[in-house]
Amino acid sequence: MSKAAAAVIGMFSVGAGMMTVLGSVMGAYAEPVSLALMGVGLFAGSSLLGGSKETAPAGVAKEA
């Protein structure tokens, strides 16, 4: 299994656990909060696994 697949599986597992914990605390807002936490975790994992690539490839404009 690749590192990226393991990171995705790990983050979805964390999200499922957060749904369970937050279900009793936040009620109806448990799902958006857990999805936000998963999104932050996936972004952080992607940043760590992908490294920092600041430059755009030739012929592609940089985003603002």
PDB file of N, CA and C in Angstrom:
ATOM      1  N   MET A   1       0.841  -1.168   0.000  1.00  0.00           N
ATOM      2  CA  MET A   1       0.000   0.000   0.000  1.00  0.00           C
ATOM      3  C   MET A   1       0.893   1.242   0.000  1.00  0.00           C
ATOM      4  N   SER A   2       0.531   2.199  -0.813  1.00  0.00           N
ATOM      5  CA  SER A   2       1.338   3.414  -0.900  1.00  0.00           C
ATOM      6  C   SER A   2       1.085   4.315   0.309  1.00  0.00           C
ATOM      7  N   LYS A   3       1.999   5.258   0.500  1.00  0.00           N
ATOM      8  CA  LYS A   3       1.864   6.193   1.621  1.00  0.00           C
ATOM      9  C   LYS A   3       0.607   7.038   1.480  1.00  0.00           C
ATOM     10  N   ALA A   4       0.305   7.429   0.255  1.00  0.00           N
ATOM     11  CA  ALA A   4      -0.866   8.282   0.028  1.00  0.00           C
ATOM     12  C   ALA A   4      -2.154   7.536   0.379  1.00  0.00           C
ATOM     13  N   ALA A   5      -2.244   6.278  -0.036  1.00  0.00           N
ATOM     14  CA  ALA A   5      -3.444   5.493   0.279  1.00  0.00           C
ATOM     15  C   ALA A   5      -3.568   5.288   1.784  1.00  0.00           C
ATOM     16  N   ALA A   6      -2.458   5.042   2.450  1.00  0.00           N
ATOM     17  CA  ALA A   6      -2.490   4.879   3.899  1.00  0.00           C
ATOM     18  C   ALA A   6      -2.918   6.171   4.584  1.00  0.00           C
ATOM     19  N   ALA A   7      -2.474   7.319   4.062  1.00  0.00           N
ATOM     20  CA  ALA A   7      -2.861   8.609   4.638  1.00  0.00           C
ATOM     21  C   ALA A   7      -4.354   8.848   4.475  1.00  0.00           C
ATOM     22  N   VAL A   8      -4.898   8.513   3.310  1.00  0.00           N
ATOM     23  CA  VAL A   8      -6.330   8.709   3.067  1.00  0.00           C
ATOM     24  C   VAL A   8      -7.152   7.797   3.970  1.00  0.00           C
ATOM     25  N   ILE A   9      -6.756   6.532   4.060  1.00  0.00           N
ATOM     26  CA  ILE A   9      -7.476   5.591   4.921  1.00  0.00           C
ATOM     27  C   ILE A   9      -7.409   6.037   6.375  1.00  0.00           C
ATOM     28  N   GLY A  10      -6.241   6.506   6.794  1.00  0.00           N
ATOM     29  CA  GLY A  10      -6.088   6.985   8.160  1.00  0.00           C
ATOM     30  C   GLY A  10      -6.984   8.175   8.457  1.00  0.00           C
ATOM     31  N   MET A  11      -7.060   9.116   7.528  1.00  0.00           N
ATOM     32  CA  MET A  11      -7.868  10.315   7.760  1.00  0.00           C
ATOM     33  C   MET A  11      -9.354   9.986   7.770  1.00  0.00           C
ATOM     34  N   PHE A  12      -9.798   9.055   6.927  1.00  0.00           N
ATOM     35  CA  PHE A  12     -11.203   8.681   6.969  1.00  0.00           C
ATOM     36  C   PHE A  12     -11.527   7.926   8.255  1.00  0.00           C
ATOM     37  N   SER A  13     -10.569   7.177   8.773  1.00  0.00           N
ATOM     38  CA  SER A  13     -10.765   6.519  10.064  1.00  0.00           C
ATOM     39  C   SER A  13     -10.875   7.550  11.180  1.00  0.00           C
ATOM     40  N   VAL A  14     -10.028   8.563  11.135  1.00  0.00           N
ATOM     41  CA  VAL A  14     -10.107   9.648  12.123  1.00  0.00           C
ATOM     42  C   VAL A  14     -11.463  10.349  12.008  1.00  0.00           C
ATOM     43  N   GLY A  15     -11.904  10.590  10.794  1.00  0.00           N
ATOM     44  CA  GLY A  15     -13.201  11.242  10.591  1.00  0.00           C
ATOM     45  C   GLY A  15     -14.352  10.421  11.146  1.00  0.00           C
ATOM     46  N   ALA A  16     -14.308   9.110  10.951  1.00  0.00           N
ATOM     47  CA  ALA A  16     -15.360   8.244  11.490  1.00  0.00           C
ATOM     48  C   ALA A  16     -15.352   8.272  13.014  1.00  0.00           C
ATOM     49  N   GLY A  17     -14.166   8.263  13.594  1.00  0.00           N
ATOM     50  CA  GLY A  17     -14.069   8.359  15.047  1.00  0.00           C
ATOM     51  C   GLY A  17     -14.589   9.688  15.570  1.00  0.00           C
ATOM     52  N   MET A  18     -14.275  10.761  14.840  1.00  0.00           N
ATOM     53  CA  MET A  18     -14.758  12.072  15.249  1.00  0.00           C
ATOM     54  C   MET A  18     -16.281  12.151  15.145  1.00  0.00           C
ATOM     55  N   MET A  19     -16.886  11.497  14.151  1.00  0.00           N
ATOM     56  CA  MET A  19     -18.348  11.458  14.050  1.00  0.00           C
ATOM     57  C   MET A  19     -18.942  10.827  15.301  1.00  0.00           C
ATOM     58  N   THR A  20     -18.306   9.759  15.769  1.00  0.00           N
ATOM     59  CA  THR A  20     -18.809   9.076  16.956  1.00  0.00           C
ATOM     60  C   THR A  20     -18.691   9.961  18.191  1.00  0.00           C
ATOM     61  N   VAL A  21     -17.542  10.574  18.372  1.00  0.00           N
ATOM     62  CA  VAL A  21     -17.313  11.413  19.556  1.00  0.00           C
ATOM     63  C   VAL A  21     -18.169  12.675  19.513  1.00  0.00           C
ATOM     64  N   LEU A  22     -18.207  13.336  18.373  1.00  0.00           N
ATOM     65  CA  LEU A  22     -18.921  14.602  18.276  1.00  0.00           C
ATOM     66  C   LEU A  22     -20.433  14.433  18.197  1.00  0.00           C
ATOM     67  N   GLY A  23     -20.889  13.226  17.871  1.00  0.00           N
ATOM     68  CA  GLY A  23     -22.328  12.993  17.759  1.00  0.00           C
ATOM     69  C   GLY A  23     -23.059  13.318  19.038  1.00  0.00           C
ATOM     70  N   SER A  24     -22.471  12.970  20.160  1.00  0.00           N
ATOM     71  CA  SER A  24     -23.132  13.242  21.426  1.00  0.00           C
ATOM     72  C   SER A  24     -22.912  14.672  21.893  1.00  0.00           C
ATOM     73  N   VAL A  25     -21.839  15.304  21.444  1.00  0.00           N
ATOM     74  CA  VAL A  25     -21.510  16.648  21.915  1.00  0.00           C
ATOM     75  C   VAL A  25     -22.165  17.719  21.054  1.00  0.00           C
ATOM     76  N   MET A  26     -22.046  17.583  19.730  1.00  0.00           N
ATOM     77  CA  MET A  26     -22.491  18.654  18.845  1.00  0.00           C
ATOM     78  C   MET A  26     -23.798  18.348  18.123  1.00  0.00           C
ATOM     79  N   GLY A  27     -24.322  17.156  18.268  1.00  0.00           N
ATOM     80  CA  GLY A  27     -25.616  16.827  17.676  1.00  0.00           C
ATOM     81  C   GLY A  27     -25.617  16.929  16.166  1.00  0.00           C
ATOM     82  N   ALA A  28     -26.408  17.834  15.640  1.00  0.00           N
ATOM     83  CA  ALA A  28     -26.605  17.960  14.196  1.00  0.00           C
ATOM     84  C   ALA A  28     -25.373  18.482  13.476  1.00  0.00           C
ATOM     85  N   TYR A  29     -24.443  19.113  14.192  1.00  0.00           N
ATOM     86  CA  TYR A  29     -23.265  19.685  13.552  1.00  0.00           C
ATOM     87  C   TYR A  29     -22.077  18.743  13.534  1.00  0.00           C
ATOM     88  N   ALA A  30     -22.266  17.496  13.964  1.00  0.00           N
ATOM     89  CA  ALA A  30     -21.156  16.547  14.024  1.00  0.00           C
ATOM     90  C   ALA A  30     -20.598  16.245  12.632  1.00  0.00           C
ATOM     91  N   GLU A  31     -21.475  16.080  11.659  1.00  0.00           N
ATOM     92  CA  GLU A  31     -21.005  15.732  10.315  1.00  0.00           C
ATOM     93  C   GLU A  31     -20.180  16.847   9.669  1.00  0.00           C
ATOM     94  N   PRO A  32     -20.634  18.097   9.653  1.00  0.00           N
ATOM     95  CA  PRO A  32     -19.797  19.139   9.056  1.00  0.00           C
ATOM     96  C   PRO A  32     -18.461  19.328   9.767  1.00  0.00           C
ATOM     97  N   VAL A  33     -18.468  19.202  11.091  1.00  0.00           N
ATOM     98  CA  VAL A  33     -17.219  19.360  11.835  1.00  0.00           C
ATOM     99  C   VAL A  33     -16.251  18.238  11.500  1.00  0.00           C
ATOM    100  N   SER A  34     -16.744  16.995  11.447  1.00  0.00           N
ATOM    101  CA  SER A  34     -15.849  15.875  11.139  1.00  0.00           C
ATOM    102  C   SER A  34     -15.342  15.965   9.700  1.00  0.00           C
ATOM    103  N   LEU A  35     -16.179  16.413   8.768  1.00  0.00           N
ATOM    104  CA  LEU A  35     -15.727  16.568   7.391  1.00  0.00           C
ATOM    105  C   LEU A  35     -14.675  17.662   7.284  1.00  0.00           C
ATOM    106  N   ALA A  36     -14.839  18.725   8.064  1.00  0.00           N
ATOM    107  CA  ALA A  36     -13.835  19.784   8.067  1.00  0.00           C
ATOM    108  C   ALA A  36     -12.513  19.267   8.626  1.00  0.00           C
ATOM    109  N   LEU A  37     -12.581  18.483   9.695  1.00  0.00           N
ATOM    110  CA  LEU A  37     -11.358  17.911  10.265  1.00  0.00           C
ATOM    111  C   LEU A  37     -10.686  16.955   9.277  1.00  0.00           C
ATOM    112  N   MET A  38     -11.488  16.163   8.563  1.00  0.00           N
ATOM    113  CA  MET A  38     -10.916  15.265   7.554  1.00  0.00           C
ATOM    114  C   MET A  38     -10.271  16.067   6.431  1.00  0.00           C
ATOM    115  N   GLY A  39     -10.915  17.142   6.022  1.00  0.00           N
ATOM    116  CA  GLY A  39     -10.356  17.981   4.962  1.00  0.00           C
ATOM    117  C   GLY A  39      -9.024  18.587   5.366  1.00  0.00           C
ATOM    118  N   VAL A  40      -8.953  19.077   6.595  1.00  0.00           N
ATOM    119  CA  VAL A  40      -7.694  19.644   7.084  1.00  0.00           C
ATOM    120  C   VAL A  40      -6.623  18.570   7.156  1.00  0.00           C
ATOM    121  N   GLY A  41      -7.001  17.384   7.624  1.00  0.00           N
ATOM    122  CA  GLY A  41      -6.037  16.281   7.711  1.00  0.00           C
ATOM    123  C   GLY A  41      -5.552  15.827   6.349  1.00  0.00           C
ATOM    124  N   LEU A  42      -6.465  15.741   5.385  1.00  0.00           N
ATOM    125  CA  LEU A  42      -6.069  15.346   4.033  1.00  0.00           C
ATOM    126  C   LEU A  42      -5.161  16.393   3.395  1.00  0.00           C
ATOM    127  N   PHE A  43      -5.467  17.668   3.636  1.00  0.00           N
ATOM    128  CA  PHE A  43      -4.624  18.730   3.105  1.00  0.00           C
ATOM    129  C   PHE A  43      -3.224  18.668   3.717  1.00  0.00           C
ATOM    130  N   ALA A  44      -3.167  18.459   5.036  1.00  0.00           N
ATOM    131  CA  ALA A  44      -1.872  18.369   5.710  1.00  0.00           C
ATOM    132  C   ALA A  44      -1.102  17.147   5.233  1.00  0.00           C
ATOM    133  N   GLY A  45      -1.780  16.013   5.084  1.00  0.00           N
ATOM    134  CA  GLY A  45      -1.114  14.805   4.592  1.00  0.00           C
ATOM    135  C   GLY A  45      -0.613  14.976   3.175  1.00  0.00           C
ATOM    136  N   SER A  46      -1.408  15.628   2.341  1.00  0.00           N
ATOM    137  CA  SER A  46      -0.992  15.884   0.961  1.00  0.00           C
ATOM    138  C   SER A  46       0.224  16.796   0.921  1.00  0.00           C
ATOM    139  N   SER A  47       0.224  17.804   1.788  1.00  0.00           N
ATOM    140  CA  SER A  47       1.362  18.716   1.835  1.00  0.00           C
ATOM    141  C   SER A  47       2.629  18.009   2.282  1.00  0.00           C
ATOM    142  N   LEU A  48       2.496  17.130   3.272  1.00  0.00           N
ATOM    143  CA  LEU A  48       3.668  16.402   3.764  1.00  0.00           C
ATOM    144  C   LEU A  48       4.184  15.386   2.744  1.00  0.00           C
ATOM    145  N   LEU A  49       3.257  14.677   2.103  1.00  0.00           N
ATOM    146  CA  LEU A  49       3.670  13.642   1.148  1.00  0.00           C
ATOM    147  C   LEU A  49       4.153  14.234  -0.171  1.00  0.00           C
ATOM    148  N   GLY A  50       3.544  15.347  -0.596  1.00  0.00           N
ATOM    149  CA  GLY A  50       3.871  15.929  -1.892  1.00  0.00           C
ATOM    150  C   GLY A  50       5.077  16.843  -1.867  1.00  0.00           C
ATOM    151  N   GLY A  51       5.444  17.296  -0.720  1.00  0.00           N
ATOM    152  CA  GLY A  51       6.542  18.249  -0.648  1.00  0.00           C
ATOM    153  C   GLY A  51       6.069  19.637  -1.039  1.00  0.00           C
ATOM    154  N   SER A  52       6.971  20.548  -1.103  1.00  0.00           N
ATOM    155  CA  SER A  52       6.631  21.925  -1.441  1.00  0.00           C
ATOM    156  C   SER A  52       7.082  22.216  -2.862  1.00  0.00           C
ATOM    157  N   LYS A  53       6.117  22.391  -3.745  1.00  0.00           N
ATOM    158  CA  LYS A  53       6.405  22.738  -5.136  1.00  0.00           C
ATOM    159  C   LYS A  53       5.823  24.113  -5.390  1.00  0.00           C
ATOM    160  N   GLU A  54       6.642  25.113  -5.260  1.00  0.00           N
ATOM    161  CA  GLU A  54       6.187  26.491  -5.407  1.00  0.00           C
ATOM    162  C   GLU A  54       6.101  26.935  -6.854  1.00  0.00           C
ATOM    163  N   THR A  55       6.900  26.364  -7.721  1.00  0.00           N
ATOM    164  CA  THR A  55       6.962  26.846  -9.092  1.00  0.00           C
ATOM    165  C   THR A  55       5.944  26.106  -9.957  1.00  0.00           C
ATOM    166  N   ALA A  56       5.364  26.839 -10.892  1.00  0.00           N
ATOM    167  CA  ALA A  56       4.418  26.255 -11.833  1.00  0.00           C
ATOM    168  C   ALA A  56       5.196  25.661 -13.000  1.00  0.00           C
ATOM    169  N   PRO A  57       4.683  24.576 -13.617  1.00  0.00           N
ATOM    170  CA  PRO A  57       5.342  24.019 -14.796  1.00  0.00           C
ATOM    171  C   PRO A  57       5.379  25.016 -15.940  1.00  0.00           C
ATOM    172  N   ALA A  58       6.271  24.811 -16.872  1.00  0.00           N
ATOM    173  CA  ALA A  58       6.414  25.724 -18.016  1.00  0.00           C
ATOM    174  C   ALA A  58       5.105  25.785 -18.787  1.00  0.00           C
ATOM    175  N   GLY A  59       4.680  26.992 -19.101  1.00  0.00           N
ATOM    176  CA  GLY A  59       3.445  27.177 -19.881  1.00  0.00           C
ATOM    177  C   GLY A  59       2.182  27.265 -19.057  1.00  0.00           C
ATOM    178  N   VAL A  60       2.314  27.145 -17.722  1.00  0.00           N
ATOM    179  CA  VAL A  60       1.136  27.204 -16.845  1.00  0.00           C
ATOM    180  C   VAL A  60       1.269  28.446 -15.979  1.00  0.00           C
ATOM    181  N   ALA A  61       0.210  29.247 -15.952  1.00  0.00           N
ATOM    182  CA  ALA A  61       0.234  30.465 -15.142  1.00  0.00           C
ATOM    183  C   ALA A  61       0.132  30.124 -13.669  1.00  0.00           C
ATOM    184  N   LYS A  62       0.813  30.910 -12.833  1.00  0.00           N
ATOM    185  CA  LYS A  62       0.706  30.718 -11.396  1.00  0.00           C
ATOM    186  C   LYS A  62      -0.625  31.267 -10.907  1.00  0.00           C
ATOM    187  N   GLU A  63      -1.168  30.623  -9.883  1.00  0.00           N
ATOM    188  CA  GLU A  63      -2.407  31.127  -9.299  1.00  0.00           C
ATOM    189  C   GLU A  63      -2.099  32.239  -8.311  1.00  0.00           C
ATOM    190  N   ALA A  64      -3.027  33.154  -8.199  1.00  0.00           N
ATOM    191  CA  ALA A  64      -2.823  34.283  -7.291  1.00  0.00           C
ATOM    192  C   ALA A  64      -2.968  33.853  -5.862  1.00  0.00           C
TER     193      ALA A  64
END
